[in-house]
Amino acid sequence: MQRAGPYADAVKAHLEWSAVSLWIMKAGGEQLEPAGLPVPVACLSVILTREAEEHAADWPRLSGPAVTPAIYGYSADSQCEARRSAAQARSIWEAQGRPYLRAKDCKFAFQYLVAAIRSGVIPPVPTIGDVTPTTPGKPAPPHILNMFKE
């Protein structure tokens, strides 16, 4: 977090919401159902809230320009309900000891910021050190998940 500089809030949002998502998918249903929060509702709420919080904190996107998070397409009441459900899932996750918040994920987030600097998406951050932007010799092959867009 200290080395992320101005992106510290974005890194925190990305790491914590990623861990909450993983926890829900792997083991959260056992804790969410008794609390009256259906797993599908929790999953969607966490995804929508994560997108919005990362966008608000300026989490860089390597896959293209920033897009408006999907949560803003819903009514104010629906947005409020999604954020409330996500906050409820997050509080249960925190009570469980914040599982799936791992050192390797922190390392990946740091490497992601370095990649964003190298590709010119964000300006160099003094706390990250000397990372010079590079120009690729040839374009990278398309990512396999891009086939499923559209």
C-alpha atoms as a PDB file:
ATOM      1  CA  MET A   1       0.000   0.000   0.000  1.00  0.00           C
ATOM      2  CA  GLN A   2       2.837   2.395   0.809  1.00  0.00           C
ATOM      3  CA  ARG A   3       4.540   1.752  -2.512  1.00  0.00           C
ATOM      4  CA  ALA A   4       1.335   2.169  -4.518  1.00  0.00           C
ATOM      5  CA  GLY A   5       1.422   5.903  -3.857  1.00  0.00           C
ATOM      6  CA  PRO A   6      -1.673   7.648  -5.219  1.00  0.00           C
ATOM      7  CA  TYR A   7      -3.130   4.271  -6.222  1.00  0.00           C
ATOM      8  CA  ALA A   8      -3.199   2.911  -2.651  1.00  0.00           C
ATOM      9  CA  ASP A   9      -6.986   3.251  -2.333  1.00  0.00           C
ATOM     10  CA  ALA A  10      -7.464   1.595  -5.717  1.00  0.00           C
ATOM     11  CA  VAL A  11      -5.178  -1.298  -4.756  1.00  0.00           C
ATOM     12  CA  LYS A  12      -7.019  -1.731  -1.462  1.00  0.00           C
ATOM     13  CA  ALA A  13     -10.421  -1.770  -3.182  1.00  0.00           C
ATOM     14  CA  HIS A  14      -9.203  -4.195  -5.827  1.00  0.00           C
ATOM     15  CA  LEU A  15      -7.580  -6.605  -3.370  1.00  0.00           C
ATOM     16  CA  GLU A  16     -10.349  -6.642  -0.793  1.00  0.00           C
ATOM     17  CA  TRP A  17     -13.250  -6.968  -3.236  1.00  0.00           C
ATOM     18  CA  SER A  18     -11.346  -9.654  -5.163  1.00  0.00           C
ATOM     19  CA  ALA A  19     -10.910 -11.591  -1.921  1.00  0.00           C
ATOM     20  CA  VAL A  20     -14.596 -11.165  -1.045  1.00  0.00           C
ATOM     21  CA  SER A  21     -15.587 -12.453  -4.507  1.00  0.00           C
ATOM     22  CA  LEU A  22     -13.337 -15.475  -4.197  1.00  0.00           C
ATOM     23  CA  TRP A  23     -14.579 -16.197  -0.679  1.00  0.00           C
ATOM     24  CA  ILE A  24     -18.211 -16.107  -1.836  1.00  0.00           C
ATOM     25  CA  MET A  25     -17.469 -18.475  -4.706  1.00  0.00           C
ATOM     26  CA  LYS A  26     -15.515 -20.950  -2.597  1.00  0.00           C
ATOM     27  CA  ALA A  27     -17.051 -20.931   0.867  1.00  0.00           C
ATOM     28  CA  GLY A  28     -19.209 -17.889   1.508  1.00  0.00           C
ATOM     29  CA  GLY A  29     -22.552 -19.521   0.841  1.00  0.00           C
ATOM     30  CA  GLU A  30     -22.405 -21.350   4.137  1.00  0.00           C
ATOM     31  CA  GLN A  31     -22.135 -18.034   6.004  1.00  0.00           C
ATOM     32  CA  LEU A  32     -24.319 -15.880   3.739  1.00  0.00           C
ATOM     33  CA  GLU A  33     -27.478 -18.009   3.628  1.00  0.00           C
ATOM     34  CA  PRO A  34     -28.026 -17.999   7.429  1.00  0.00           C
ATOM     35  CA  ALA A  35     -27.620 -14.206   7.367  1.00  0.00           C
ATOM     36  CA  GLY A  36     -30.482 -13.978   4.869  1.00  0.00           C
ATOM     37  CA  LEU A  37     -28.311 -12.991   1.905  1.00  0.00           C
ATOM     38  CA  PRO A  38     -28.737 -15.302  -1.095  1.00  0.00           C
ATOM     39  CA  VAL A  39     -25.438 -16.164  -2.799  1.00  0.00           C
ATOM     40  CA  PRO A  40     -26.512 -14.965  -6.290  1.00  0.00           C
ATOM     41  CA  VAL A  41     -27.519 -11.587  -4.840  1.00  0.00           C
ATOM     42  CA  ALA A  42     -24.239 -11.318  -2.936  1.00  0.00           C
ATOM     43  CA  CYS A  43     -22.181 -12.238  -6.022  1.00  0.00           C
ATOM     44  CA  LEU A  44     -23.847  -9.667  -8.259  1.00  0.00           C
ATOM     45  CA  SER A  45     -23.766  -6.980  -5.582  1.00  0.00           C
ATOM     46  CA  VAL A  46     -20.064  -7.524  -4.928  1.00  0.00           C
ATOM     47  CA  ILE A  47     -19.222  -7.440  -8.644  1.00  0.00           C
ATOM     48  CA  LEU A  48     -21.179  -4.219  -9.209  1.00  0.00           C
ATOM     49  CA  THR A  49     -19.778  -2.533  -6.098  1.00  0.00           C
ATOM     50  CA  ARG A  50     -16.227  -3.659  -6.840  1.00  0.00           C
ATOM     51  CA  GLU A  51     -16.407  -2.156 -10.335  1.00  0.00           C
ATOM     52  CA  ALA A  52     -17.740   1.134  -8.981  1.00  0.00           C
ATOM     53  CA  GLU A  53     -15.192   1.431  -6.172  1.00  0.00           C
ATOM     54  CA  GLU A  54     -12.261   0.574  -8.444  1.00  0.00           C
ATOM     55  CA  HIS A  55     -13.502   3.148 -10.955  1.00  0.00           C
ATOM     56  CA  ALA A  56     -13.913   5.795  -8.243  1.00  0.00           C
ATOM     57  CA  ALA A  57     -10.383   5.113  -6.956  1.00  0.00           C
ATOM     58  CA  ASP A  58      -8.898   5.283 -10.508  1.00  0.00           C
ATOM     59  CA  TRP A  59      -7.776   1.660 -10.746  1.00  0.00           C
ATOM     60  CA  PRO A  60      -5.987   1.551 -14.124  1.00  0.00           C
ATOM     61  CA  ARG A  61      -7.345  -0.617 -16.935  1.00  0.00           C
ATOM     62  CA  LEU A  62      -4.863  -2.375 -19.182  1.00  0.00           C
ATOM     63  CA  SER A  63      -7.602  -3.710 -21.446  1.00  0.00           C
ATOM     64  CA  GLY A  64      -8.709  -0.366 -22.832  1.00  0.00           C
ATOM     65  CA  PRO A  65     -10.260   2.925 -21.801  1.00  0.00           C
ATOM     66  CA  ALA A  66     -12.217   3.219 -18.586  1.00  0.00           C
ATOM     67  CA  VAL A  67     -15.899   2.425 -18.894  1.00  0.00           C
ATOM     68  CA  THR A  68     -18.768   3.546 -16.726  1.00  0.00           C
ATOM     69  CA  PRO A  69     -19.474   0.851 -14.118  1.00  0.00           C
ATOM     70  CA  ALA A  70     -22.671  -1.090 -14.708  1.00  0.00           C
ATOM     71  CA  ILE A  71     -24.108  -0.175 -11.290  1.00  0.00           C
ATOM     72  CA  TYR A  72     -24.740   3.375 -12.509  1.00  0.00           C
ATOM     73  CA  GLY A  73     -27.235   2.048 -15.048  1.00  0.00           C
ATOM     74  CA  TYR A  74     -29.609   1.034 -12.268  1.00  0.00           C
ATOM     75  CA  SER A  75     -32.027   3.186 -10.287  1.00  0.00           C
ATOM     76  CA  ALA A  76     -30.824   4.919  -7.131  1.00  0.00           C
ATOM     77  CA  ASP A  77     -32.753   2.426  -4.987  1.00  0.00           C
ATOM     78  CA  SER A  78     -31.199  -0.536  -6.784  1.00  0.00           C
ATOM     79  CA  GLN A  79     -27.717   0.959  -6.437  1.00  0.00           C
ATOM     80  CA  CYS A  80     -28.303   1.472  -2.742  1.00  0.00           C
ATOM     81  CA  GLU A  81     -29.534  -2.103  -2.312  1.00  0.00           C
ATOM     82  CA  ALA A  82     -26.573  -3.522  -4.234  1.00  0.00           C
ATOM     83  CA  ARG A  83     -24.106  -1.561  -2.111  1.00  0.00           C
ATOM     84  CA  ARG A  84     -25.927  -2.590   1.081  1.00  0.00           C
ATOM     85  CA  SER A  85     -25.836  -6.269   0.105  1.00  0.00           C
ATOM     86  CA  ALA A  86     -22.161  -6.018  -0.845  1.00  0.00           C
ATOM     87  CA  ALA A  87     -21.366  -4.309   2.463  1.00  0.00           C
ATOM     88  CA  GLN A  88     -23.218  -7.060   4.334  1.00  0.00           C
ATOM     89  CA  ALA A  89     -21.234  -9.755   2.485  1.00  0.00           C
ATOM     90  CA  ARG A  90     -18.013  -7.865   3.164  1.00  0.00           C
ATOM     91  CA  SER A  91     -18.744  -7.575   6.881  1.00  0.00           C
ATOM     92  CA  ILE A  92     -19.371 -11.332   7.078  1.00  0.00           C
ATOM     93  CA  TRP A  93     -16.112 -11.879   5.156  1.00  0.00           C
ATOM     94  CA  GLU A  94     -14.255  -9.654   7.646  1.00  0.00           C
ATOM     95  CA  ALA A  95     -15.809 -11.542  10.575  1.00  0.00           C
ATOM     96  CA  GLN A  96     -14.486 -14.779   9.032  1.00  0.00           C
ATOM     97  CA  GLY A  97     -10.934 -13.405   9.240  1.00  0.00           C
ATOM     98  CA  ARG A  98     -10.665 -11.874   5.737  1.00  0.00           C
ATOM     99  CA  PRO A  99      -9.887 -15.156   3.943  1.00  0.00           C
ATOM    100  CA  TYR A 100      -8.315 -15.195   0.485  1.00  0.00           C
ATOM    101  CA  LEU A 101      -6.522 -11.883   1.064  1.00  0.00           C
ATOM    102  CA  ARG A 102      -3.097 -13.279   0.264  1.00  0.00           C
ATOM    103  CA  ALA A 103       0.416 -11.943  -0.219  1.00  0.00           C
ATOM    104  CA  LYS A 104       0.553 -13.272  -3.778  1.00  0.00           C
ATOM    105  CA  ASP A 105      -2.484 -11.153  -4.647  1.00  0.00           C
ATOM    106  CA  CYS A 106      -0.745  -8.065  -3.267  1.00  0.00           C
ATOM    107  CA  LYS A 107       2.292  -8.899  -5.396  1.00  0.00           C
ATOM    108  CA  PHE A 108       0.092  -9.315  -8.462  1.00  0.00           C
ATOM    109  CA  ALA A 109      -1.557  -5.917  -7.844  1.00  0.00           C
ATOM    110  CA  PHE A 110       1.876  -4.320  -7.608  1.00  0.00           C
ATOM    111  CA  GLN A 111       2.961  -6.030 -10.841  1.00  0.00           C
ATOM    112  CA  TYR A 112      -0.255  -4.824 -12.465  1.00  0.00           C
ATOM    113  CA  LEU A 113       0.602  -1.218 -11.541  1.00  0.00           C
ATOM    114  CA  VAL A 114       4.110  -1.681 -12.962  1.00  0.00           C
ATOM    115  CA  ALA A 115       2.583  -3.026 -16.185  1.00  0.00           C
ATOM    116  CA  ALA A 116       0.244  -0.017 -16.323  1.00  0.00           C
ATOM    117  CA  ILE A 117       3.259   2.294 -15.984  1.00  0.00           C
ATOM    118  CA  ARG A 118       5.223   0.409 -18.635  1.00  0.00           C
ATOM    119  CA  SER A 119       2.347   0.511 -21.081  1.00  0.00           C
ATOM    120  CA  GLY A 120       1.814   4.235 -20.483  1.00  0.00           C
ATOM    121  CA  VAL A 121      -1.672   3.868 -18.982  1.00  0.00           C
ATOM    122  CA  ILE A 122      -0.601   5.696 -15.813  1.00  0.00           C
ATOM    123  CA  PRO A 123       2.360   8.009 -15.217  1.00  0.00           C
ATOM    124  CA  PRO A 124       5.373   6.732 -13.262  1.00  0.00           C
ATOM    125  CA  VAL A 125       4.849   6.594  -9.500  1.00  0.00           C
ATOM    126  CA  PRO A 126       7.917   7.673  -7.467  1.00  0.00           C
ATOM    127  CA  THR A 127       7.260   5.122  -4.710  1.00  0.00           C
ATOM    128  CA  ILE A 128       7.342   2.220  -7.161  1.00  0.00           C
ATOM    129  CA  GLY A 129      10.840   3.088  -8.362  1.00  0.00           C
ATOM    130  CA  ASP A 130      12.409   3.338 -11.756  1.00  0.00           C
ATOM    131  CA  VAL A 131      10.026   1.720 -14.183  1.00  0.00           C
ATOM    132  CA  THR A 132      10.572   3.030 -17.644  1.00  0.00           C
ATOM    133  CA  PRO A 133       7.769   2.863 -20.167  1.00  0.00           C
ATOM    134  CA  THR A 134       8.536   0.428 -22.967  1.00  0.00           C
ATOM    135  CA  THR A 135       7.233   0.227 -26.462  1.00  0.00           C
ATOM    136  CA  PRO A 136       6.331  -3.248 -27.598  1.00  0.00           C
ATOM    137  CA  GLY A 137       8.051  -4.597 -30.690  1.00  0.00           C
ATOM    138  CA  LYS A 138       4.859  -6.199 -31.878  1.00  0.00           C
ATOM    139  CA  PRO A 139       1.324  -6.260 -30.488  1.00  0.00           C
ATOM    140  CA  ALA A 140       0.538  -8.911 -27.948  1.00  0.00           C
ATOM    141  CA  PRO A 141      -1.751 -11.733 -29.053  1.00  0.00           C
ATOM    142  CA  PRO A 142      -5.387 -11.238 -28.082  1.00  0.00           C
ATOM    143  CA  HIS A 143      -6.423 -12.569 -24.710  1.00  0.00           C
ATOM    144  CA  ILE A 144      -8.612 -15.670 -24.830  1.00  0.00           C
ATOM    145  CA  LEU A 145     -11.387 -13.978 -22.834  1.00  0.00           C
ATOM    146  CA  ASN A 146     -11.733 -11.305 -25.518  1.00  0.00           C
ATOM    147  CA  MET A 147     -13.402 -13.939 -27.684  1.00  0.00           C
ATOM    148  CA  PHE A 148     -16.359 -13.974 -25.296  1.00  0.00           C
ATOM    149  CA  LYS A 149     -16.990 -10.232 -25.442  1.00  0.00           C
ATOM    150  CA  GLU A 150     -19.933  -9.374 -27.640  1.00  0.00           C
END
